[in-house]
Amino acid sequence: MFGKKDETIGEKFKQILRGGDKEPIEKKVILAHYKVKGSISRIDGYIGRLEQRDKELFQTIIDSLIKRDDRRAKMYAREVAEIRKISKQLLTVRYALEQVALKLETFLVFGGAISDLKQIVGIMREAVNITKPLAPDVWIDLQYALKELETSLTAGLAGFAAELDVGLDTEAKKVLEEAKLAAEQSIKERYAELPKLLGEEVKDEAKATT
């Protein structure tokens, strides 16, 4: 089943490259899907580099504590906390984009109403907002994908342009909430816990600045 689905999507991409006579809306959805999949790969690259940097800083923290250099340990702990905050945001986007890609694949392979794309647009907007300050190259690709989907909707649904500023629907909120929970769990699994006292101090400082 999965092999057949992948083959079908691949064929649709080939048809676009050959200039096949496909519906404009379907073309835009395929291009959006391509950008979303590429964005997931780019985010994986960011997360991998952040993990490596975290390991280096974490070891510096341990070395500093062994030398009883609490000031230095605390300084690096702040940096580690910031790295993990960014990682959590990127992981949230990644998990949400996985759902977006799956929904787009379902739309392409099995068909669906244009209105089915509305919740995807809501999720994509959140992803665009999160990635803009963190991963500019990902943000550019997601902006492109979002534009393609919004154009598809305005062309396929009369009056949808007036709804573009409406907030997330229930399903989109559910997808994003699940993505956040998955990101939180992933952070716990990926990163070693900071020494308890040091970690609590950094958390207290973060709360004081928010």
N, C-alpha and C. Protein backbone atom coordinates (compact mmCIF):
# COMPACT_ATOMS: atom_id res chain seq x y z
N MET A 1 0.83 -1.22 0.00
CA MET A 1 0.00 0.00 0.00
C MET A 1 0.86 1.26 0.00
N PHE A 2 1.86 1.30 0.91
CA PHE A 2 2.70 2.48 1.00
C PHE A 2 3.53 2.66 -0.26
N GLY A 3 4.03 1.54 -0.81
CA GLY A 3 4.81 1.64 -2.04
C GLY A 3 3.99 2.21 -3.16
N LYS A 4 2.73 1.79 -3.26
CA LYS A 4 1.84 2.28 -4.31
C LYS A 4 1.59 3.77 -4.14
N LYS A 5 1.41 4.22 -2.90
CA LYS A 5 1.16 5.63 -2.65
C LYS A 5 2.36 6.46 -3.06
N ASP A 6 3.58 6.03 -2.65
CA ASP A 6 4.78 6.77 -2.99
C ASP A 6 4.96 6.84 -4.50
N GLU A 7 4.68 5.72 -5.19
CA GLU A 7 4.83 5.67 -6.63
C GLU A 7 3.85 6.65 -7.29
N THR A 8 2.65 6.71 -6.78
CA THR A 8 1.64 7.60 -7.35
C THR A 8 2.06 9.06 -7.20
N ILE A 9 2.56 9.43 -6.03
CA ILE A 9 3.03 10.80 -5.82
C ILE A 9 4.20 11.11 -6.73
N GLY A 10 5.12 10.14 -6.87
CA GLY A 10 6.26 10.32 -7.76
C GLY A 10 5.82 10.54 -9.19
N GLU A 11 4.81 9.81 -9.62
CA GLU A 11 4.30 9.97 -10.98
C GLU A 11 3.71 11.35 -11.19
N LYS A 12 3.05 11.86 -10.15
CA LYS A 12 2.45 13.19 -10.27
C LYS A 12 3.54 14.26 -10.41
N PHE A 13 4.64 14.11 -9.67
CA PHE A 13 5.76 15.04 -9.82
C PHE A 13 6.32 14.99 -11.24
N LYS A 14 6.47 13.77 -11.78
CA LYS A 14 7.00 13.61 -13.13
C LYS A 14 6.09 14.27 -14.16
N GLN A 15 4.80 14.16 -13.94
CA GLN A 15 3.85 14.77 -14.87
C GLN A 15 4.01 16.29 -14.90
N ILE A 16 4.29 16.87 -13.73
CA ILE A 16 4.50 18.32 -13.68
C ILE A 16 5.78 18.69 -14.42
N LEU A 17 6.85 17.92 -14.18
CA LEU A 17 8.13 18.22 -14.83
C LEU A 17 8.02 18.07 -16.34
N ARG A 18 7.15 17.16 -16.80
CA ARG A 18 6.95 16.97 -18.23
C ARG A 18 5.95 17.97 -18.79
N GLY A 19 5.40 18.80 -17.89
CA GLY A 19 4.39 19.75 -18.35
C GLY A 19 3.07 19.08 -18.63
N GLY A 20 2.78 18.03 -17.86
CA GLY A 20 1.54 17.28 -18.07
C GLY A 20 0.31 18.16 -17.92
N ASP A 21 -0.74 17.75 -18.52
CA ASP A 21 -1.99 18.53 -18.50
C ASP A 21 -2.74 18.21 -17.21
N LYS A 22 -2.31 18.82 -16.11
CA LYS A 22 -2.94 18.58 -14.81
C LYS A 22 -3.69 19.82 -14.37
N GLU A 23 -4.62 19.63 -13.46
CA GLU A 23 -5.38 20.75 -12.94
C GLU A 23 -4.47 21.69 -12.16
N PRO A 24 -4.63 23.02 -12.33
CA PRO A 24 -3.78 24.00 -11.63
C PRO A 24 -3.76 23.79 -10.12
N ILE A 25 -4.90 23.49 -9.52
CA ILE A 25 -4.95 23.31 -8.06
C ILE A 25 -4.09 22.13 -7.65
N GLU A 26 -4.18 21.04 -8.40
CA GLU A 26 -3.38 19.86 -8.07
C GLU A 26 -1.89 20.17 -8.20
N LYS A 27 -1.53 20.94 -9.20
CA LYS A 27 -0.12 21.32 -9.37
C LYS A 27 0.38 22.09 -8.15
N LYS A 28 -0.42 23.02 -7.68
CA LYS A 28 -0.02 23.83 -6.54
C LYS A 28 0.13 22.98 -5.28
N VAL A 29 -0.76 22.02 -5.10
CA VAL A 29 -0.69 21.14 -3.94
C VAL A 29 0.57 20.28 -4.00
N ILE A 30 0.91 19.79 -5.18
CA ILE A 30 2.12 18.97 -5.34
C ILE A 30 3.36 19.80 -5.03
N LEU A 31 3.41 21.03 -5.53
CA LEU A 31 4.55 21.89 -5.26
C LEU A 31 4.65 22.22 -3.77
N ALA A 32 3.51 22.44 -3.13
CA ALA A 32 3.50 22.71 -1.69
C ALA A 32 4.02 21.49 -0.93
N HIS A 33 3.58 20.31 -1.34
CA HIS A 33 4.03 19.07 -0.70
C HIS A 33 5.55 18.92 -0.82
N TYR A 34 6.08 19.22 -1.98
CA TYR A 34 7.52 19.13 -2.22
C TYR A 34 8.29 20.07 -1.27
N LYS A 35 7.79 21.29 -1.11
CA LYS A 35 8.44 22.26 -0.23
C LYS A 35 8.34 21.83 1.24
N VAL A 36 7.22 21.26 1.62
CA VAL A 36 7.04 20.81 3.00
C VAL A 36 8.02 19.68 3.33
N LYS A 37 8.14 18.72 2.42
CA LYS A 37 9.07 17.61 2.64
C LYS A 37 10.51 18.11 2.72
N GLY A 38 10.84 19.07 1.86
CA GLY A 38 12.18 19.65 1.91
C GLY A 38 12.43 20.39 3.21
N SER A 39 11.41 21.06 3.73
CA SER A 39 11.53 21.79 4.99
C SER A 39 11.77 20.84 6.16
N ILE A 40 11.12 19.69 6.13
CA ILE A 40 11.33 18.70 7.19
C ILE A 40 12.80 18.26 7.21
N SER A 41 13.37 18.03 6.04
CA SER A 41 14.78 17.62 5.95
C SER A 41 15.70 18.72 6.47
N ARG A 42 15.39 19.97 6.13
CA ARG A 42 16.21 21.09 6.61
C ARG A 42 16.13 21.23 8.12
N ILE A 43 14.94 21.05 8.66
CA ILE A 43 14.76 21.13 10.12
C ILE A 43 15.57 20.03 10.81
N ASP A 44 15.58 18.84 10.22
CA ASP A 44 16.38 17.75 10.79
C ASP A 44 17.85 18.15 10.87
N GLY A 45 18.32 18.86 9.85
CA GLY A 45 19.70 19.33 9.85
C GLY A 45 19.95 20.32 10.98
N TYR A 46 19.04 21.25 11.17
CA TYR A 46 19.16 22.22 12.26
C TYR A 46 19.19 21.51 13.61
N ILE A 47 18.27 20.58 13.80
CA ILE A 47 18.17 19.89 15.08
C ILE A 47 19.43 19.08 15.36
N GLY A 48 19.98 18.45 14.32
CA GLY A 48 21.21 17.69 14.49
C GLY A 48 22.37 18.57 14.95
N ARG A 49 22.48 19.75 14.36
CA ARG A 49 23.56 20.67 14.75
C ARG A 49 23.35 21.21 16.16
N LEU A 50 22.10 21.45 16.52
CA LEU A 50 21.80 21.92 17.87
C LEU A 50 22.13 20.84 18.91
N GLU A 51 21.83 19.60 18.58
CA GLU A 51 22.15 18.50 19.50
C GLU A 51 23.65 18.39 19.72
N GLN A 52 24.42 18.52 18.66
CA GLN A 52 25.87 18.44 18.77
C GLN A 52 26.42 19.57 19.64
N ARG A 53 25.90 20.77 19.41
CA ARG A 53 26.34 21.93 20.21
C ARG A 53 25.95 21.74 21.67
N ASP A 54 24.77 21.20 21.91
CA ASP A 54 24.31 20.96 23.28
C ASP A 54 25.25 19.99 24.01
N LYS A 55 25.67 18.94 23.33
CA LYS A 55 26.57 17.97 23.95
C LYS A 55 27.89 18.62 24.34
N GLU A 56 28.40 19.48 23.46
CA GLU A 56 29.66 20.16 23.75
C GLU A 56 29.53 21.07 24.96
N LEU A 57 28.45 21.84 25.00
CA LEU A 57 28.25 22.77 26.12
C LEU A 57 27.96 22.02 27.41
N PHE A 58 27.22 20.92 27.30
CA PHE A 58 26.90 20.14 28.50
C PHE A 58 28.18 19.61 29.14
N GLN A 59 29.11 19.15 28.31
CA GLN A 59 30.37 18.65 28.84
C GLN A 59 31.16 19.77 29.51
N THR A 60 31.09 20.97 28.94
CA THR A 60 31.75 22.13 29.55
C THR A 60 31.15 22.44 30.91
N ILE A 61 29.84 22.30 31.02
CA ILE A 61 29.16 22.52 32.31
C ILE A 61 29.67 21.54 33.36
N ILE A 62 29.74 20.28 32.98
CA ILE A 62 30.21 19.25 33.92
C ILE A 62 31.65 19.53 34.35
N ASP A 63 32.49 19.88 33.38
CA ASP A 63 33.89 20.18 33.70
C ASP A 63 33.99 21.38 34.64
N SER A 64 33.15 22.37 34.42
CA SER A 64 33.17 23.58 35.26
C SER A 64 32.73 23.26 36.68
N LEU A 65 31.72 22.41 36.80
CA LEU A 65 31.25 22.03 38.14
C LEU A 65 32.30 21.23 38.89
N ILE A 66 33.01 20.38 38.16
CA ILE A 66 34.07 19.59 38.79
C ILE A 66 35.16 20.52 39.33
N LYS A 67 35.42 21.60 38.59
CA LYS A 67 36.43 22.58 39.01
C LYS A 67 35.86 23.61 39.99
N ARG A 68 34.59 23.43 40.36
CA ARG A 68 33.89 24.34 41.27
C ARG A 68 33.78 25.76 40.72
N ASP A 69 33.71 25.85 39.41
CA ASP A 69 33.53 27.14 38.76
C ASP A 69 32.03 27.30 38.45
N ASP A 70 31.26 27.63 39.48
CA ASP A 70 29.81 27.70 39.34
C ASP A 70 29.37 28.81 38.39
N ARG A 71 30.09 29.91 38.39
CA ARG A 71 29.72 31.03 37.52
C ARG A 71 29.78 30.61 36.06
N ARG A 72 30.87 29.93 35.69
CA ARG A 72 31.03 29.49 34.31
C ARG A 72 29.99 28.42 33.95
N ALA A 73 29.73 27.53 34.89
CA ALA A 73 28.75 26.47 34.66
C ALA A 73 27.36 27.08 34.42
N LYS A 74 27.03 28.09 35.20
CA LYS A 74 25.72 28.73 35.06
C LYS A 74 25.60 29.45 33.73
N MET A 75 26.69 30.07 33.29
CA MET A 75 26.69 30.79 32.02
C MET A 75 26.40 29.83 30.86
N TYR A 76 27.07 28.68 30.89
CA TYR A 76 26.86 27.70 29.82
C TYR A 76 25.50 27.02 29.94
N ALA A 77 25.00 26.90 31.15
CA ALA A 77 23.68 26.30 31.35
C ALA A 77 22.60 27.17 30.71
N ARG A 78 22.78 28.48 30.77
CA ARG A 78 21.82 29.39 30.12
C ARG A 78 21.81 29.15 28.61
N GLU A 79 22.99 28.95 28.05
CA GLU A 79 23.09 28.71 26.61
C GLU A 79 22.44 27.38 26.23
N VAL A 80 22.65 26.38 27.06
CA VAL A 80 22.03 25.07 26.83
C VAL A 80 20.50 25.19 26.88
N ALA A 81 20.00 25.95 27.84
CA ALA A 81 18.56 26.13 27.96
C ALA A 81 17.99 26.80 26.70
N GLU A 82 18.72 27.75 26.15
CA GLU A 82 18.27 28.44 24.94
C GLU A 82 18.27 27.49 23.74
N ILE A 83 19.31 26.66 23.65
CA ILE A 83 19.39 25.68 22.56
C ILE A 83 18.20 24.72 22.63
N ARG A 84 17.87 24.28 23.82
CA ARG A 84 16.77 23.33 23.97
C ARG A 84 15.41 23.97 23.69
N LYS A 85 15.31 25.25 24.01
CA LYS A 85 14.09 25.98 23.69
C LYS A 85 13.88 26.06 22.18
N ILE A 86 14.97 26.37 21.46
CA ILE A 86 14.89 26.44 20.00
C ILE A 86 14.60 25.06 19.41
N SER A 87 15.26 24.04 19.95
CA SER A 87 15.04 22.68 19.47
C SER A 87 13.59 22.26 19.63
N LYS A 88 13.01 22.62 20.77
CA LYS A 88 11.60 22.28 21.01
C LYS A 88 10.69 22.94 19.99
N GLN A 89 10.97 24.20 19.68
CA GLN A 89 10.16 24.91 18.69
C GLN A 89 10.28 24.27 17.31
N LEU A 90 11.52 23.93 16.93
CA LEU A 90 11.73 23.32 15.62
C LEU A 90 11.13 21.92 15.56
N LEU A 91 11.21 21.17 16.65
CA LEU A 91 10.61 19.84 16.67
C LEU A 91 9.08 19.94 16.58
N THR A 92 8.52 20.95 17.22
CA THR A 92 7.07 21.16 17.11
C THR A 92 6.67 21.37 15.66
N VAL A 93 7.43 22.23 14.98
CA VAL A 93 7.16 22.48 13.56
C VAL A 93 7.34 21.20 12.75
N ARG A 94 8.40 20.47 13.05
CA ARG A 94 8.67 19.24 12.29
C ARG A 94 7.51 18.25 12.38
N TYR A 95 7.05 18.00 13.60
CA TYR A 95 5.97 17.04 13.78
C TYR A 95 4.67 17.53 13.14
N ALA A 96 4.44 18.84 13.20
CA ALA A 96 3.25 19.40 12.56
C ALA A 96 3.35 19.26 11.04
N LEU A 97 4.54 19.48 10.50
CA LEU A 97 4.73 19.37 9.05
C LEU A 97 4.59 17.93 8.57
N GLU A 98 4.94 16.98 9.41
CA GLU A 98 4.72 15.58 9.05
C GLU A 98 3.24 15.32 8.81
N GLN A 99 2.41 15.90 9.67
CA GLN A 99 0.97 15.76 9.51
C GLN A 99 0.48 16.48 8.25
N VAL A 100 1.06 17.65 8.00
CA VAL A 100 0.70 18.40 6.79
C VAL A 100 1.04 17.58 5.54
N ALA A 101 2.25 17.02 5.51
CA ALA A 101 2.67 16.23 4.36
C ALA A 101 1.74 15.04 4.15
N LEU A 102 1.38 14.38 5.24
CA LEU A 102 0.48 13.23 5.14
C LEU A 102 -0.89 13.63 4.60
N LYS A 103 -1.41 14.74 5.08
CA LYS A 103 -2.72 15.21 4.62
C LYS A 103 -2.67 15.61 3.14
N LEU A 104 -1.57 16.22 2.72
CA LEU A 104 -1.44 16.59 1.32
C LEU A 104 -1.33 15.35 0.43
N GLU A 105 -0.60 14.34 0.92
CA GLU A 105 -0.49 13.09 0.16
C GLU A 105 -1.86 12.42 0.01
N THR A 106 -2.62 12.42 1.09
CA THR A 106 -3.96 11.83 1.04
C THR A 106 -4.83 12.58 0.04
N PHE A 107 -4.73 13.90 0.05
CA PHE A 107 -5.50 14.72 -0.89
C PHE A 107 -5.12 14.40 -2.33
N LEU A 108 -3.82 14.25 -2.58
CA LEU A 108 -3.34 14.01 -3.94
C LEU A 108 -3.68 12.61 -4.45
N VAL A 109 -3.48 11.62 -3.58
CA VAL A 109 -3.63 10.23 -4.02
C VAL A 109 -5.09 9.78 -4.05
N PHE A 110 -5.82 10.13 -3.00
CA PHE A 110 -7.18 9.62 -2.88
C PHE A 110 -8.25 10.66 -3.21
N GLY A 111 -7.81 11.90 -3.43
CA GLY A 111 -8.77 12.95 -3.76
C GLY A 111 -9.42 13.52 -2.52
N GLY A 112 -10.02 14.66 -2.66
CA GLY A 112 -10.68 15.29 -1.52
C GLY A 112 -11.22 16.64 -1.92
N ALA A 113 -12.04 17.20 -1.05
CA ALA A 113 -12.61 18.51 -1.32
C ALA A 113 -11.56 19.59 -1.08
N ILE A 114 -11.65 20.68 -1.83
CA ILE A 114 -10.73 21.79 -1.66
C ILE A 114 -10.78 22.31 -0.22
N SER A 115 -11.96 22.25 0.37
CA SER A 115 -12.12 22.74 1.75
C SER A 115 -11.26 21.96 2.73
N ASP A 116 -10.84 20.73 2.35
CA ASP A 116 -9.99 19.93 3.23
C ASP A 116 -8.63 20.60 3.45
N LEU A 117 -8.26 21.50 2.55
CA LEU A 117 -6.96 22.16 2.65
C LEU A 117 -6.98 23.30 3.67
N LYS A 118 -8.16 23.71 4.12
CA LYS A 118 -8.25 24.87 5.00
C LYS A 118 -7.48 24.68 6.31
N GLN A 119 -7.63 23.50 6.93
CA GLN A 119 -6.93 23.27 8.19
C GLN A 119 -5.42 23.21 7.98
N ILE A 120 -5.00 22.73 6.79
CA ILE A 120 -3.57 22.67 6.48
C ILE A 120 -2.99 24.08 6.42
N VAL A 121 -3.75 25.00 5.85
CA VAL A 121 -3.30 26.40 5.77
C VAL A 121 -3.08 26.96 7.17
N GLY A 122 -3.98 26.65 8.10
CA GLY A 122 -3.84 27.13 9.47
C GLY A 122 -2.57 26.61 10.13
N ILE A 123 -2.29 25.33 9.94
CA ILE A 123 -1.08 24.72 10.51
C ILE A 123 0.16 25.34 9.88
N MET A 124 0.12 25.54 8.57
CA MET A 124 1.26 26.11 7.86
C MET A 124 1.58 27.52 8.34
N ARG A 125 0.56 28.30 8.62
CA ARG A 125 0.79 29.66 9.10
C ARG A 125 1.53 29.66 10.43
N GLU A 126 1.14 28.75 11.31
CA GLU A 126 1.83 28.64 12.59
C GLU A 126 3.29 28.25 12.38
N ALA A 127 3.53 27.33 11.46
CA ALA A 127 4.89 26.88 11.16
C ALA A 127 5.72 28.04 10.60
N VAL A 128 5.12 28.84 9.74
CA VAL A 128 5.80 30.00 9.16
C VAL A 128 6.20 30.98 10.26
N ASN A 129 5.28 31.25 11.18
CA ASN A 129 5.55 32.20 12.27
C ASN A 129 6.69 31.73 13.17
N ILE A 130 6.73 30.43 13.44
CA ILE A 130 7.76 29.89 14.34
C ILE A 130 9.14 29.89 13.68
N THR A 131 9.19 29.53 12.40
CA THR A 131 10.49 29.36 11.74
C THR A 131 11.13 30.67 11.29
N LYS A 132 10.36 31.73 11.15
CA LYS A 132 10.91 32.98 10.62
C LYS A 132 12.16 33.45 11.37
N PRO A 133 12.16 33.52 12.72
CA PRO A 133 13.36 33.98 13.42
C PRO A 133 14.40 32.88 13.66
N LEU A 134 14.02 31.62 13.44
CA LEU A 134 14.90 30.50 13.80
C LEU A 134 15.62 29.87 12.61
N ALA A 135 14.91 29.74 11.50
CA ALA A 135 15.45 29.03 10.33
C ALA A 135 14.96 29.73 9.06
N PRO A 136 15.64 30.80 8.65
CA PRO A 136 15.17 31.60 7.51
C PRO A 136 14.98 30.81 6.22
N ASP A 137 15.86 29.83 5.96
CA ASP A 137 15.72 29.06 4.72
C ASP A 137 14.46 28.20 4.75
N VAL A 138 14.16 27.64 5.91
CA VAL A 138 12.92 26.86 6.06
C VAL A 138 11.72 27.79 5.92
N TRP A 139 11.82 28.95 6.53
CA TRP A 139 10.73 29.94 6.46
C TRP A 139 10.40 30.30 5.02
N ILE A 140 11.43 30.49 4.20
CA ILE A 140 11.22 30.85 2.79
C ILE A 140 10.45 29.74 2.06
N ASP A 141 10.86 28.49 2.27
CA ASP A 141 10.18 27.37 1.61
C ASP A 141 8.74 27.23 2.09
N LEU A 142 8.53 27.41 3.38
CA LEU A 142 7.18 27.28 3.92
C LEU A 142 6.28 28.42 3.45
N GLN A 143 6.87 29.61 3.32
CA GLN A 143 6.11 30.74 2.78
C GLN A 143 5.64 30.43 1.37
N TYR A 144 6.52 29.84 0.59
CA TYR A 144 6.18 29.47 -0.79
C TYR A 144 5.04 28.44 -0.79
N ALA A 145 5.19 27.41 0.05
CA ALA A 145 4.17 26.36 0.12
C ALA A 145 2.83 26.94 0.57
N LEU A 146 2.87 27.81 1.56
CA LEU A 146 1.65 28.43 2.07
C LEU A 146 0.96 29.26 0.99
N LYS A 147 1.75 30.00 0.24
CA LYS A 147 1.18 30.82 -0.84
C LYS A 147 0.48 29.94 -1.87
N GLU A 148 1.11 28.81 -2.21
CA GLU A 148 0.50 27.91 -3.19
C GLU A 148 -0.84 27.37 -2.68
N LEU A 149 -0.89 27.01 -1.41
CA LEU A 149 -2.12 26.46 -0.84
C LEU A 149 -3.21 27.53 -0.73
N GLU A 150 -2.82 28.72 -0.31
CA GLU A 150 -3.81 29.80 -0.20
C GLU A 150 -4.37 30.17 -1.57
N THR A 151 -3.50 30.16 -2.58
CA THR A 151 -3.96 30.44 -3.94
C THR A 151 -4.93 29.37 -4.41
N SER A 152 -4.63 28.11 -4.07
CA SER A 152 -5.52 27.01 -4.43
C SER A 152 -6.89 27.19 -3.81
N LEU A 153 -6.89 27.60 -2.55
CA LEU A 153 -8.16 27.76 -1.84
C LEU A 153 -8.97 28.93 -2.37
N THR A 154 -8.32 30.05 -2.60
CA THR A 154 -9.06 31.22 -3.09
C THR A 154 -9.60 30.97 -4.49
N ALA A 155 -8.88 30.13 -5.26
CA ALA A 155 -9.35 29.80 -6.61
C ALA A 155 -10.47 28.77 -6.58
N GLY A 156 -10.40 27.87 -5.59
CA GLY A 156 -11.35 26.76 -5.56
C GLY A 156 -12.58 26.98 -4.70
N LEU A 157 -12.51 27.95 -3.79
CA LEU A 157 -13.64 28.19 -2.90
C LEU A 157 -14.09 29.64 -2.99
N ALA A 158 -15.26 29.86 -3.46
CA ALA A 158 -15.79 31.21 -3.55
C ALA A 158 -15.92 31.81 -2.16
N GLY A 159 -15.38 33.00 -2.00
CA GLY A 159 -15.51 33.69 -0.72
C GLY A 159 -14.46 33.30 0.30
N PHE A 160 -13.53 32.40 -0.05
CA PHE A 160 -12.54 31.99 0.95
C PHE A 160 -11.58 33.12 1.28
N ALA A 161 -11.33 34.01 0.33
CA ALA A 161 -10.38 35.10 0.58
C ALA A 161 -10.78 35.90 1.81
N ALA A 162 -12.07 36.01 2.06
CA ALA A 162 -12.54 36.76 3.23
C ALA A 162 -12.28 36.01 4.52
N GLU A 163 -11.97 34.70 4.42
CA GLU A 163 -11.76 33.89 5.61
C GLU A 163 -10.28 33.67 5.93
N LEU A 164 -9.39 34.28 5.15
CA LEU A 164 -7.97 34.00 5.31
C LEU A 164 -7.42 34.41 6.67
N ASP A 165 -8.06 35.38 7.32
CA ASP A 165 -7.57 35.85 8.61
C ASP A 165 -8.27 35.18 9.79
N VAL A 166 -9.12 34.21 9.51
CA VAL A 166 -9.81 33.49 10.57
C VAL A 166 -8.82 32.58 11.30
N GLY A 167 -8.99 32.40 12.62
CA GLY A 167 -8.05 31.61 13.40
C GLY A 167 -8.08 30.13 13.07
N LEU A 168 -7.29 29.37 13.81
CA LEU A 168 -7.18 27.93 13.58
C LEU A 168 -8.50 27.23 13.88
N ASP A 169 -8.81 26.22 13.06
CA ASP A 169 -10.00 25.43 13.36
C ASP A 169 -9.63 24.36 14.39
N THR A 170 -10.62 23.62 14.85
CA THR A 170 -10.41 22.65 15.93
C THR A 170 -9.39 21.59 15.57
N GLU A 171 -9.46 21.07 14.35
CA GLU A 171 -8.55 20.01 13.93
C GLU A 171 -7.11 20.52 13.85
N ALA A 172 -6.93 21.74 13.34
CA ALA A 172 -5.59 22.31 13.24
C ALA A 172 -4.99 22.53 14.63
N LYS A 173 -5.81 23.00 15.56
CA LYS A 173 -5.34 23.19 16.93
C LYS A 173 -4.91 21.86 17.55
N LYS A 174 -5.68 20.82 17.25
CA LYS A 174 -5.37 19.49 17.77
C LYS A 174 -4.03 19.00 17.24
N VAL A 175 -3.79 19.19 15.95
CA VAL A 175 -2.53 18.77 15.33
C VAL A 175 -1.35 19.50 15.98
N LEU A 176 -1.49 20.80 16.19
CA LEU A 176 -0.41 21.59 16.77
C LEU A 176 -0.17 21.22 18.23
N GLU A 177 -1.23 20.96 18.96
CA GLU A 177 -1.08 20.56 20.36
C GLU A 177 -0.38 19.21 20.47
N GLU A 178 -0.74 18.29 19.60
CA GLU A 178 -0.08 16.98 19.59
C GLU A 178 1.39 17.12 19.20
N ALA A 179 1.68 18.04 18.29
CA ALA A 179 3.06 18.27 17.87
C ALA A 179 3.88 18.82 19.03
N LYS A 180 3.30 19.72 19.82
CA LYS A 180 4.00 20.28 20.98
C LYS A 180 4.30 19.20 22.02
N LEU A 181 3.33 18.34 22.26
CA LEU A 181 3.53 17.25 23.23
C LEU A 181 4.61 16.29 22.75
N ALA A 182 4.60 15.99 21.46
CA ALA A 182 5.62 15.10 20.90
C ALA A 182 7.00 15.74 21.00
N ALA A 183 7.07 17.06 20.79
CA ALA A 183 8.35 17.77 20.88
C ALA A 183 8.88 17.75 22.31
N GLU A 184 8.00 17.95 23.28
CA GLU A 184 8.41 17.93 24.68
C GLU A 184 8.99 16.56 25.06
N GLN A 185 8.33 15.51 24.61
CA GLN A 185 8.82 14.16 24.89
C GLN A 185 10.15 13.90 24.21
N SER A 186 10.28 14.38 22.99
CA SER A 186 11.52 14.19 22.24
C SER A 186 12.69 14.91 22.91
N ILE A 187 12.44 16.10 23.45
CA ILE A 187 13.49 16.86 24.14
C ILE A 187 14.00 16.06 25.34
N LYS A 188 13.09 15.44 26.07
CA LYS A 188 13.48 14.64 27.24
C LYS A 188 14.35 13.45 26.84
N GLU A 189 14.05 12.89 25.67
CA GLU A 189 14.79 11.72 25.21
C GLU A 189 16.13 12.08 24.57
N ARG A 190 16.20 13.24 23.95
CA ARG A 190 17.40 13.63 23.20
C ARG A 190 18.48 14.25 24.07
N TYR A 191 18.08 14.98 25.12
CA TYR A 191 19.04 15.77 25.88
C TYR A 191 19.19 15.29 27.32
N ALA A 192 20.43 15.28 27.77
CA ALA A 192 20.71 14.92 29.16
C ALA A 192 20.19 16.01 30.08
N GLU A 193 19.68 15.61 31.23
CA GLU A 193 19.12 16.58 32.18
C GLU A 193 20.25 17.36 32.85
N LEU A 194 20.05 18.66 32.96
CA LEU A 194 21.03 19.50 33.65
C LEU A 194 21.06 19.14 35.14
N PRO A 195 22.23 19.31 35.79
CA PRO A 195 22.28 19.11 37.24
C PRO A 195 21.13 19.86 37.91
N LYS A 196 20.46 19.23 38.85
CA LYS A 196 19.18 19.71 39.37
C LYS A 196 19.21 21.17 39.82
N LEU A 197 20.13 21.53 40.69
CA LEU A 197 20.17 22.89 41.24
C LEU A 197 20.42 23.91 40.14
N LEU A 198 21.34 23.58 39.24
CA LEU A 198 21.68 24.49 38.14
C LEU A 198 20.49 24.65 37.20
N GLY A 199 19.84 23.54 36.92
CA GLY A 199 18.68 23.58 36.03
C GLY A 199 17.56 24.41 36.60
N GLU A 200 17.33 24.32 37.91
CA GLU A 200 16.27 25.10 38.55
C GLU A 200 16.57 26.59 38.51
N GLU A 201 17.84 26.96 38.69
CA GLU A 201 18.22 28.37 38.64
C GLU A 201 17.97 28.96 37.26
N VAL A 202 18.33 28.20 36.24
CA VAL A 202 18.14 28.67 34.86
C VAL A 202 16.66 28.82 34.55
N LYS A 203 15.84 27.86 35.01
CA LYS A 203 14.40 27.94 34.79
C LYS A 203 13.81 29.16 35.48
N ASP A 204 14.25 29.44 36.70
CA ASP A 204 13.75 30.59 37.45
C ASP A 204 14.10 31.89 36.73
N GLU A 205 15.31 31.96 36.18
CA GLU A 205 15.73 33.15 35.45
C GLU A 205 14.88 33.34 34.19
N ALA A 206 14.60 32.23 33.52
CA ALA A 206 13.80 32.30 32.30
C ALA A 206 12.39 32.81 32.60
N LYS A 207 11.82 32.35 33.72
CA LYS A 207 10.48 32.80 34.11
C LYS A 207 10.48 34.28 34.44
N ALA A 208 11.56 34.74 35.07
CA ALA A 208 11.64 36.13 35.48
C ALA A 208 11.72 37.09 34.30
N THR A 209 12.22 36.59 33.16
CA THR A 209 12.39 37.45 31.99
C THR A 209 11.21 37.38 31.04
N THR A 210 10.22 36.52 31.34
CA THR A 210 9.05 36.39 30.45
C THR A 210 7.87 37.16 31.00
